[in-house]
N, C-alpha and C. Protein backbone atom coordinates (compact mmCIF):
# COMPACT_ATOMS: atom_id res chain seq x y z
N UNK A 1 0.82 -1.20 0.00
CA UNK A 1 0.00 0.00 0.00
C UNK A 1 0.86 1.26 0.00
N UNK A 2 1.97 1.26 0.69
CA UNK A 2 2.84 2.43 0.70
C UNK A 2 3.37 2.75 -0.70
N UNK A 3 3.70 1.70 -1.47
CA UNK A 3 4.21 1.92 -2.82
C UNK A 3 3.15 2.60 -3.68
N UNK A 4 1.91 2.18 -3.57
CA UNK A 4 0.82 2.78 -4.33
C UNK A 4 0.63 4.25 -3.94
N UNK A 5 0.73 4.56 -2.68
CA UNK A 5 0.58 5.92 -2.18
C UNK A 5 1.73 6.81 -2.70
N UNK A 6 2.94 6.29 -2.69
CA UNK A 6 4.10 7.04 -3.17
C UNK A 6 3.98 7.33 -4.66
N UNK A 7 3.58 6.33 -5.43
CA UNK A 7 3.41 6.51 -6.88
C UNK A 7 2.31 7.54 -7.16
N UNK A 8 1.21 7.45 -6.46
CA UNK A 8 0.11 8.40 -6.63
C UNK A 8 0.56 9.82 -6.29
N UNK A 9 1.29 9.95 -5.19
CA UNK A 9 1.78 11.28 -4.79
C UNK A 9 2.76 11.82 -5.82
N UNK A 10 3.63 10.98 -6.36
CA UNK A 10 4.62 11.42 -7.35
C UNK A 10 3.92 11.86 -8.64
N UNK A 11 2.97 11.09 -9.10
CA UNK A 11 2.24 11.44 -10.32
C UNK A 11 1.46 12.74 -10.12
N UNK A 12 0.83 12.88 -8.98
CA UNK A 12 0.09 14.11 -8.67
C UNK A 12 1.03 15.31 -8.64
N UNK A 13 2.18 15.16 -8.02
CA UNK A 13 3.16 16.25 -7.95
C UNK A 13 3.64 16.65 -9.34
N UNK A 14 3.91 15.66 -10.21
CA UNK A 14 4.36 15.97 -11.56
C UNK A 14 3.28 16.70 -12.35
N UNK A 15 2.03 16.28 -12.18
CA UNK A 15 0.93 16.93 -12.88
C UNK A 15 0.76 18.38 -12.41
N UNK A 16 0.85 18.60 -11.11
CA UNK A 16 0.73 19.96 -10.58
C UNK A 16 1.88 20.84 -11.04
N UNK A 17 3.09 20.29 -11.07
CA UNK A 17 4.25 21.05 -11.55
C UNK A 17 4.07 21.42 -13.02
N UNK A 18 3.63 20.47 -13.81
CA UNK A 18 3.41 20.71 -15.24
C UNK A 18 2.35 21.80 -15.44
N UNK A 19 1.27 21.71 -14.72
CA UNK A 19 0.21 22.70 -14.82
C UNK A 19 0.72 24.08 -14.41
N UNK A 20 1.46 24.15 -13.33
CA UNK A 20 1.97 25.43 -12.84
C UNK A 20 2.93 26.06 -13.84
N UNK A 21 3.81 25.28 -14.44
CA UNK A 21 4.75 25.85 -15.40
C UNK A 21 4.04 26.30 -16.67
N UNK A 22 3.03 25.58 -17.11
CA UNK A 22 2.28 26.01 -18.29
C UNK A 22 1.50 27.28 -18.02
N UNK A 23 0.94 27.40 -16.84
CA UNK A 23 0.16 28.58 -16.48
C UNK A 23 1.06 29.80 -16.35
N UNK A 24 2.27 29.61 -15.82
CA UNK A 24 3.17 30.73 -15.56
C UNK A 24 4.01 31.13 -16.76
N UNK A 25 4.14 30.30 -17.78
CA UNK A 25 5.04 30.60 -18.90
C UNK A 25 4.68 31.91 -19.59
N UNK A 26 3.42 32.13 -19.89
CA UNK A 26 3.01 33.37 -20.54
C UNK A 26 3.21 34.59 -19.66
N UNK A 27 2.69 34.58 -18.45
CA UNK A 27 2.86 35.75 -17.57
C UNK A 27 4.33 36.07 -17.29
N UNK A 28 5.20 35.07 -17.16
CA UNK A 28 6.61 35.34 -16.87
C UNK A 28 7.26 36.12 -18.00
N UNK A 29 6.93 35.78 -19.23
CA UNK A 29 7.48 36.49 -20.37
C UNK A 29 7.02 37.94 -20.37
N UNK A 30 5.76 38.17 -20.11
CA UNK A 30 5.23 39.53 -20.08
C UNK A 30 5.83 40.33 -18.93
N UNK A 31 6.01 39.70 -17.79
CA UNK A 31 6.64 40.37 -16.63
C UNK A 31 8.07 40.74 -16.98
N UNK A 32 8.78 39.84 -17.65
CA UNK A 32 10.17 40.12 -18.04
C UNK A 32 10.25 41.39 -18.87
N UNK A 33 9.40 41.52 -19.89
CA UNK A 33 9.47 42.68 -20.77
C UNK A 33 8.98 43.95 -20.09
N UNK A 34 8.17 43.85 -19.05
CA UNK A 34 7.81 45.04 -18.27
C UNK A 34 9.02 45.55 -17.49
N UNK A 35 9.83 44.63 -16.97
CA UNK A 35 11.00 45.01 -16.18
C UNK A 35 12.23 45.32 -17.04
N UNK A 36 12.30 44.73 -18.22
CA UNK A 36 13.42 44.95 -19.13
C UNK A 36 12.88 45.37 -20.50
N UNK A 37 12.44 46.63 -20.61
CA UNK A 37 11.85 47.10 -21.86
C UNK A 37 12.79 46.87 -23.05
N UNK A 38 12.23 46.34 -24.13
CA UNK A 38 12.98 46.03 -25.33
C UNK A 38 12.22 46.59 -26.53
N UNK A 39 12.92 47.35 -27.37
CA UNK A 39 12.27 47.90 -28.55
C UNK A 39 12.29 46.87 -29.68
N UNK A 40 11.46 47.14 -30.67
CA UNK A 40 11.44 46.27 -31.86
C UNK A 40 12.82 46.25 -32.53
N UNK A 41 13.45 47.41 -32.59
CA UNK A 41 14.78 47.50 -33.20
C UNK A 41 15.80 46.65 -32.44
N UNK A 42 15.74 46.69 -31.12
CA UNK A 42 16.66 45.87 -30.32
C UNK A 42 16.43 44.38 -30.57
N UNK A 43 15.17 43.98 -30.71
CA UNK A 43 14.86 42.57 -30.98
C UNK A 43 15.41 42.15 -32.34
N UNK A 44 15.24 43.02 -33.35
CA UNK A 44 15.75 42.71 -34.69
C UNK A 44 17.28 42.66 -34.67
N UNK A 45 17.91 43.57 -33.93
CA UNK A 45 19.37 43.54 -33.82
C UNK A 45 19.85 42.25 -33.15
N UNK A 46 19.08 41.74 -32.22
CA UNK A 46 19.48 40.52 -31.51
C UNK A 46 19.22 39.25 -32.32
N UNK A 47 18.04 39.16 -32.95
CA UNK A 47 17.63 37.92 -33.61
C UNK A 47 17.79 37.94 -35.13
N UNK A 48 18.08 39.10 -35.72
CA UNK A 48 18.19 39.20 -37.17
C UNK A 48 16.87 39.62 -37.79
N UNK A 49 16.85 39.75 -39.10
CA UNK A 49 15.63 40.14 -39.79
C UNK A 49 14.58 39.05 -39.65
N UNK A 50 13.33 39.43 -39.37
CA UNK A 50 12.27 38.42 -39.23
C UNK A 50 11.99 37.72 -40.56
N UNK A 51 11.65 36.45 -40.45
CA UNK A 51 11.25 35.68 -41.63
C UNK A 51 9.85 36.06 -42.07
N UNK A 52 9.04 36.47 -41.09
CA UNK A 52 7.64 36.78 -41.36
C UNK A 52 7.15 37.80 -40.33
N UNK A 53 6.32 38.71 -40.76
CA UNK A 53 5.67 39.67 -39.87
C UNK A 53 4.17 39.51 -40.06
N UNK A 54 3.46 39.24 -38.97
CA UNK A 54 2.02 39.02 -39.02
C UNK A 54 1.33 40.11 -38.21
N UNK A 55 0.40 40.83 -38.84
CA UNK A 55 -0.39 41.82 -38.13
C UNK A 55 -1.45 41.11 -37.30
N UNK A 56 -1.59 41.52 -36.05
CA UNK A 56 -2.57 40.92 -35.14
C UNK A 56 -3.78 41.82 -34.98
N UNK A 57 -4.94 41.28 -34.62
CA UNK A 57 -6.18 42.07 -34.55
C UNK A 57 -6.13 43.26 -33.59
N UNK A 58 -5.30 43.18 -32.54
CA UNK A 58 -5.26 44.26 -31.55
C UNK A 58 -4.28 45.38 -31.92
N UNK A 59 -3.75 45.34 -33.15
CA UNK A 59 -2.82 46.36 -33.59
C UNK A 59 -1.36 46.00 -33.36
N UNK A 60 -1.11 44.93 -32.65
CA UNK A 60 0.26 44.46 -32.43
C UNK A 60 0.71 43.67 -33.66
N UNK A 61 1.96 43.29 -33.67
CA UNK A 61 2.45 42.44 -34.75
C UNK A 61 3.35 41.36 -34.18
N UNK A 62 3.35 40.23 -34.86
CA UNK A 62 4.15 39.07 -34.46
C UNK A 62 5.30 38.95 -35.45
N UNK A 63 6.51 39.06 -34.95
CA UNK A 63 7.71 38.91 -35.78
C UNK A 63 8.28 37.52 -35.54
N UNK A 64 8.36 36.72 -36.59
CA UNK A 64 8.88 35.35 -36.49
C UNK A 64 10.30 35.35 -37.04
N UNK A 65 11.23 34.87 -36.22
CA UNK A 65 12.64 34.86 -36.59
C UNK A 65 13.08 33.46 -36.97
N UNK A 66 14.34 33.34 -37.38
CA UNK A 66 14.84 32.05 -37.85
C UNK A 66 14.78 30.98 -36.77
N UNK A 67 14.86 29.77 -37.22
CA UNK A 67 14.76 28.60 -36.35
C UNK A 67 15.85 28.63 -35.29
N UNK A 68 15.49 28.21 -34.10
CA UNK A 68 16.46 28.12 -33.01
C UNK A 68 17.38 26.95 -33.29
N UNK A 69 18.67 27.22 -33.32
CA UNK A 69 19.65 26.18 -33.63
C UNK A 69 20.27 25.65 -32.34
N UNK A 70 19.92 24.45 -31.99
CA UNK A 70 20.58 23.76 -30.89
C UNK A 70 20.31 22.27 -31.05
N UNK A 71 20.62 21.49 -30.04
CA UNK A 71 20.50 20.04 -30.15
C UNK A 71 19.05 19.57 -30.29
N UNK A 72 18.10 20.37 -29.82
CA UNK A 72 16.69 19.99 -29.91
C UNK A 72 16.00 20.87 -30.95
N UNK A 73 14.99 20.35 -31.59
CA UNK A 73 14.22 21.13 -32.55
C UNK A 73 13.13 21.88 -31.79
N UNK A 74 13.44 23.10 -31.38
CA UNK A 74 12.49 23.87 -30.58
C UNK A 74 11.47 24.62 -31.43
N UNK A 75 11.84 24.99 -32.62
CA UNK A 75 10.93 25.74 -33.47
C UNK A 75 11.47 27.11 -33.79
N UNK A 76 10.59 28.05 -34.09
CA UNK A 76 10.96 29.40 -34.50
C UNK A 76 10.64 30.38 -33.38
N UNK A 77 11.58 31.26 -33.07
CA UNK A 77 11.38 32.26 -32.02
C UNK A 77 10.52 33.39 -32.58
N UNK A 78 9.62 33.91 -31.75
CA UNK A 78 8.83 35.06 -32.17
C UNK A 78 8.74 36.06 -31.03
N UNK A 79 8.49 37.31 -31.39
CA UNK A 79 8.19 38.36 -30.41
C UNK A 79 6.91 39.04 -30.84
N UNK A 80 6.16 39.51 -29.87
CA UNK A 80 4.96 40.31 -30.11
C UNK A 80 5.34 41.76 -29.81
N UNK A 81 5.12 42.63 -30.78
CA UNK A 81 5.49 44.04 -30.66
C UNK A 81 4.22 44.89 -30.71
N UNK A 82 4.10 45.79 -29.74
CA UNK A 82 2.97 46.72 -29.73
C UNK A 82 3.52 48.11 -29.42
N UNK A 83 3.16 49.07 -30.24
CA UNK A 83 3.64 50.45 -30.09
C UNK A 83 5.17 50.51 -30.05
N UNK A 84 5.82 49.67 -30.85
CA UNK A 84 7.27 49.69 -30.96
C UNK A 84 8.03 48.97 -29.87
N UNK A 85 7.30 48.39 -28.90
CA UNK A 85 7.95 47.71 -27.78
C UNK A 85 7.56 46.23 -27.76
N UNK A 86 8.53 45.37 -27.42
CA UNK A 86 8.25 43.94 -27.28
C UNK A 86 7.44 43.74 -26.01
N UNK A 87 6.31 43.03 -26.13
CA UNK A 87 5.45 42.79 -24.97
C UNK A 87 5.38 41.31 -24.60
N UNK A 88 5.81 40.43 -25.51
CA UNK A 88 5.74 38.99 -25.25
C UNK A 88 6.64 38.28 -26.25
N UNK A 89 6.96 37.02 -25.97
CA UNK A 89 7.73 36.22 -26.92
C UNK A 89 7.42 34.76 -26.71
N UNK A 90 7.95 33.93 -27.59
CA UNK A 90 7.72 32.49 -27.45
C UNK A 90 8.33 31.72 -28.60
N UNK A 91 7.92 30.48 -28.72
CA UNK A 91 8.37 29.57 -29.77
C UNK A 91 7.13 29.15 -30.56
N UNK A 92 7.25 29.09 -31.87
CA UNK A 92 6.12 28.73 -32.72
C UNK A 92 6.54 27.67 -33.73
N UNK A 93 5.56 27.10 -34.36
CA UNK A 93 5.82 26.12 -35.43
C UNK A 93 6.30 26.87 -36.67
N UNK A 94 6.79 26.17 -37.67
CA UNK A 94 7.29 26.85 -38.87
C UNK A 94 6.20 27.71 -39.51
N UNK A 95 6.55 28.93 -39.90
CA UNK A 95 5.57 29.79 -40.58
C UNK A 95 5.14 29.15 -41.90
N UNK A 96 3.89 29.38 -42.29
CA UNK A 96 3.37 28.78 -43.53
C UNK A 96 4.01 29.40 -44.76
N UNK A 97 4.21 30.71 -44.71
CA UNK A 97 4.84 31.36 -45.86
C UNK A 97 5.99 32.21 -45.34
N UNK A 98 7.15 31.97 -45.87
CA UNK A 98 8.34 32.65 -45.39
C UNK A 98 8.75 33.82 -46.28
N UNK A 99 7.81 34.37 -47.04
CA UNK A 99 8.16 35.47 -47.93
C UNK A 99 7.90 36.84 -47.29
N UNK A 100 7.56 36.85 -45.99
CA UNK A 100 7.39 38.11 -45.28
C UNK A 100 5.96 38.63 -45.23
N UNK A 101 5.05 37.99 -45.97
CA UNK A 101 3.66 38.44 -45.94
C UNK A 101 2.89 37.63 -44.91
N UNK A 102 1.94 38.27 -44.27
CA UNK A 102 1.12 37.54 -43.29
C UNK A 102 -0.08 36.90 -43.95
């Protein structure tokens, strides 16, 4: 019975940890950019010219940069820019069209 209780507790802990990290991932990025303001120009200087720029309904735009190069296939880095300032970032799947049009 102790083994069953330990396994149940471990699985529950892993699920709670996974949920907490998924819930916090978005807010942490936004908090970072509030404390460390970054302009669109600074993002382009850091990541290079975007492969694609997508206009978003709220007036912001999503800049998708080249694929992240490392041992794992993480995807394409993007930043969300509103009023010239980066407000969020993340990893996305490959853009459908890489000719710069949204």
